[in-house]
Amino acid sequence: MTAQPEITQRDLRTKSKEIMDAVQNGQAFTVTRDGHRIGELIPLRRRRRFVPRGEFAAMSRTAPDISLDAFRADQDATAEQEPDDPHVR
């Protein structure tokens, strides 16, 4: 694992476009002030919209077995049992 490059507060101020472009492309930085580390500038994690089929299959192989009866009992216990029609009493 490579260390994050250090940038000074002044670099952040004067080279903000280049630094922000690098962050957008996945680069992280450690920000320093007066030679002391004061923070990290890291890209946001992008949430995936889907999980690839192969990855889902691999995760499923190690998942614990689920009792279908217990699952249905849990659903029945938490589901609203009253009808939604306000005119039904």
C-alpha atoms as a PDB file:
ATOM      1  CA  MET A   1       0.000   0.000   0.000  1.00  0.00           C
ATOM      2  CA  THR A   2       1.467   3.330  -1.017  1.00  0.00           C
ATOM      3  CA  ALA A   3       1.419   6.357   1.261  1.00  0.00           C
ATOM      4  CA  GLN A   4      -0.828   9.267   0.382  1.00  0.00           C
ATOM      5  CA  PRO A   5       0.985  12.274  -1.011  1.00  0.00           C
ATOM      6  CA  GLU A   6       1.190  15.224   1.353  1.00  0.00           C
ATOM      7  CA  ILE A   7       0.051  18.650   0.254  1.00  0.00           C
ATOM      8  CA  THR A   8       0.344  21.885   2.154  1.00  0.00           C
ATOM      9  CA  GLN A   9      -2.545  24.146   3.004  1.00  0.00           C
ATOM     10  CA  ARG A  10      -1.045  26.636   0.565  1.00  0.00           C
ATOM     11  CA  ASP A  11      -0.935  24.000  -2.215  1.00  0.00           C
ATOM     12  CA  LEU A  12      -4.578  23.227  -1.536  1.00  0.00           C
ATOM     13  CA  ARG A  13      -5.427  26.899  -1.904  1.00  0.00           C
ATOM     14  CA  THR A  14      -3.322  27.635  -4.992  1.00  0.00           C
ATOM     15  CA  LYS A  15      -3.694  24.331  -6.870  1.00  0.00           C
ATOM     16  CA  SER A  16      -7.242  23.491  -5.900  1.00  0.00           C
ATOM     17  CA  LYS A  17      -8.433  22.630  -9.420  1.00  0.00           C
ATOM     18  CA  GLU A  18      -5.634  20.146 -10.042  1.00  0.00           C
ATOM     19  CA  ILE A  19      -6.004  18.638  -6.571  1.00  0.00           C
ATOM     20  CA  MET A  20      -9.794  18.331  -6.860  1.00  0.00           C
ATOM     21  CA  ASP A  21      -9.420  16.708 -10.294  1.00  0.00           C
ATOM     22  CA  ALA A  22      -7.024  14.177  -8.756  1.00  0.00           C
ATOM     23  CA  VAL A  23      -9.453  13.494  -5.885  1.00  0.00           C
ATOM     24  CA  GLN A  24     -12.269  13.012  -8.380  1.00  0.00           C
ATOM     25  CA  ASN A  25     -10.079  10.426 -10.127  1.00  0.00           C
ATOM     26  CA  GLY A  26      -9.545   8.510  -6.874  1.00  0.00           C
ATOM     27  CA  GLN A  27      -6.384  10.086  -5.415  1.00  0.00           C
ATOM     28  CA  ALA A  28      -6.253  10.830  -1.680  1.00  0.00           C
ATOM     29  CA  PHE A  29      -4.043  13.428   0.004  1.00  0.00           C
ATOM     30  CA  THR A  30      -2.812  14.242   3.493  1.00  0.00           C
ATOM     31  CA  VAL A  31      -3.057  17.980   4.162  1.00  0.00           C
ATOM     32  CA  THR A  32      -0.357  19.665   6.255  1.00  0.00           C
ATOM     33  CA  ARG A  33      -0.054  23.054   7.912  1.00  0.00           C
ATOM     34  CA  ASP A  34       3.245  24.303   9.297  1.00  0.00           C
ATOM     35  CA  GLY A  35       4.685  20.820   8.736  1.00  0.00           C
ATOM     36  CA  HIS A  36       1.997  19.062  10.786  1.00  0.00           C
ATOM     37  CA  ARG A  37      -0.573  16.694   9.372  1.00  0.00           C
ATOM     38  CA  ILE A  38      -4.025  18.177   9.920  1.00  0.00           C
ATOM     39  CA  GLY A  39      -6.359  16.141   7.748  1.00  0.00           C
ATOM     40  CA  GLU A  40      -7.051  13.943   4.798  1.00  0.00           C
ATOM     41  CA  LEU A  41      -8.690  14.782   1.515  1.00  0.00           C
ATOM     42  CA  ILE A  42     -10.242  11.592   0.186  1.00  0.00           C
ATOM     43  CA  PRO A  43     -12.660  10.782  -2.625  1.00  0.00           C
ATOM     44  CA  LEU A  44     -16.199   9.848  -1.703  1.00  0.00           C
ATOM     45  CA  ARG A  45     -17.063   6.225  -2.150  1.00  0.00           C
ATOM     46  CA  ARG A  46     -19.507   5.755  -4.930  1.00  0.00           C
ATOM     47  CA  ARG A  47     -22.269   3.346  -4.144  1.00  0.00           C
ATOM     48  CA  ARG A  48     -22.746   0.633  -6.649  1.00  0.00           C
ATOM     49  CA  ARG A  49     -26.156   0.410  -8.220  1.00  0.00           C
ATOM     50  CA  PHE A  50     -25.975  -3.358  -8.530  1.00  0.00           C
ATOM     51  CA  VAL A  51     -23.895  -6.338  -7.506  1.00  0.00           C
ATOM     52  CA  PRO A  52     -22.523  -8.434 -10.372  1.00  0.00           C
ATOM     53  CA  ARG A  53     -24.041 -11.907 -10.601  1.00  0.00           C
ATOM     54  CA  GLY A  54     -20.734 -13.666  -9.942  1.00  0.00           C
ATOM     55  CA  GLU A  55     -20.077 -11.627  -6.809  1.00  0.00           C
ATOM     56  CA  PHE A  56     -23.608 -12.269  -5.524  1.00  0.00           C
ATOM     57  CA  ALA A  57     -23.210 -15.999  -6.144  1.00  0.00           C
ATOM     58  CA  ALA A  58     -19.874 -16.042  -4.293  1.00  0.00           C
ATOM     59  CA  MET A  59     -21.357 -14.215  -1.288  1.00  0.00           C
ATOM     60  CA  SER A  60     -24.394 -16.491  -1.286  1.00  0.00           C
ATOM     61  CA  ARG A  61     -22.277 -19.629  -1.038  1.00  0.00           C
ATOM     62  CA  THR A  62     -20.982 -18.579   2.380  1.00  0.00           C
ATOM     63  CA  ALA A  63     -24.274 -17.170   3.699  1.00  0.00           C
ATOM     64  CA  PRO A  64     -25.950 -19.054   6.537  1.00  0.00           C
ATOM     65  CA  ASP A  65     -28.959 -21.228   5.756  1.00  0.00           C
ATOM     66  CA  ILE A  66     -32.319 -19.572   6.334  1.00  0.00           C
ATOM     67  CA  SER A  67     -35.330 -21.360   7.709  1.00  0.00           C
ATOM     68  CA  LEU A  68     -38.222 -20.446   5.424  1.00  0.00           C
ATOM     69  CA  ASP A  69     -40.739 -21.096   8.210  1.00  0.00           C
ATOM     70  CA  ALA A  70     -38.874 -18.835  10.645  1.00  0.00           C
ATOM     71  CA  PHE A  71     -38.583 -16.131   7.968  1.00  0.00           C
ATOM     72  CA  ARG A  72     -42.324 -16.215   7.291  1.00  0.00           C
ATOM     73  CA  ALA A  73     -43.097 -16.180  11.016  1.00  0.00           C
ATOM     74  CA  ASP A  74     -40.893 -13.063  11.416  1.00  0.00           C
ATOM     75  CA  GLN A  75     -42.680 -11.371   8.532  1.00  0.00           C
ATOM     76  CA  ASP A  76     -46.094 -12.230   9.958  1.00  0.00           C
ATOM     77  CA  ALA A  77     -45.090 -10.943  13.382  1.00  0.00           C
ATOM     78  CA  THR A  78     -43.948  -7.570  12.037  1.00  0.00           C
ATOM     79  CA  ALA A  79     -46.432  -7.040   9.211  1.00  0.00           C
ATOM     80  CA  GLU A  80     -49.438  -4.901   9.867  1.00  0.00           C
ATOM     81  CA  GLN A  81     -52.364  -7.244  10.299  1.00  0.00           C
ATOM     82  CA  GLU A  82     -55.098  -4.603  10.110  1.00  0.00           C
ATOM     83  CA  PRO A  83     -56.687  -3.810   6.717  1.00  0.00           C
ATOM     84  CA  ASP A  84     -55.710  -0.495   5.131  1.00  0.00           C
ATOM     85  CA  ASP A  85     -59.294   0.455   4.271  1.00  0.00           C
ATOM     86  CA  PRO A  86     -60.399   3.141   6.793  1.00  0.00           C
ATOM     87  CA  HIS A  87     -64.044   2.198   6.215  1.00  0.00           C
ATOM     88  CA  VAL A  88     -63.568  -1.385   7.393  1.00  0.00           C
ATOM     89  CA  ARG A  89     -64.166  -1.747  11.122  1.00  0.00           C
END
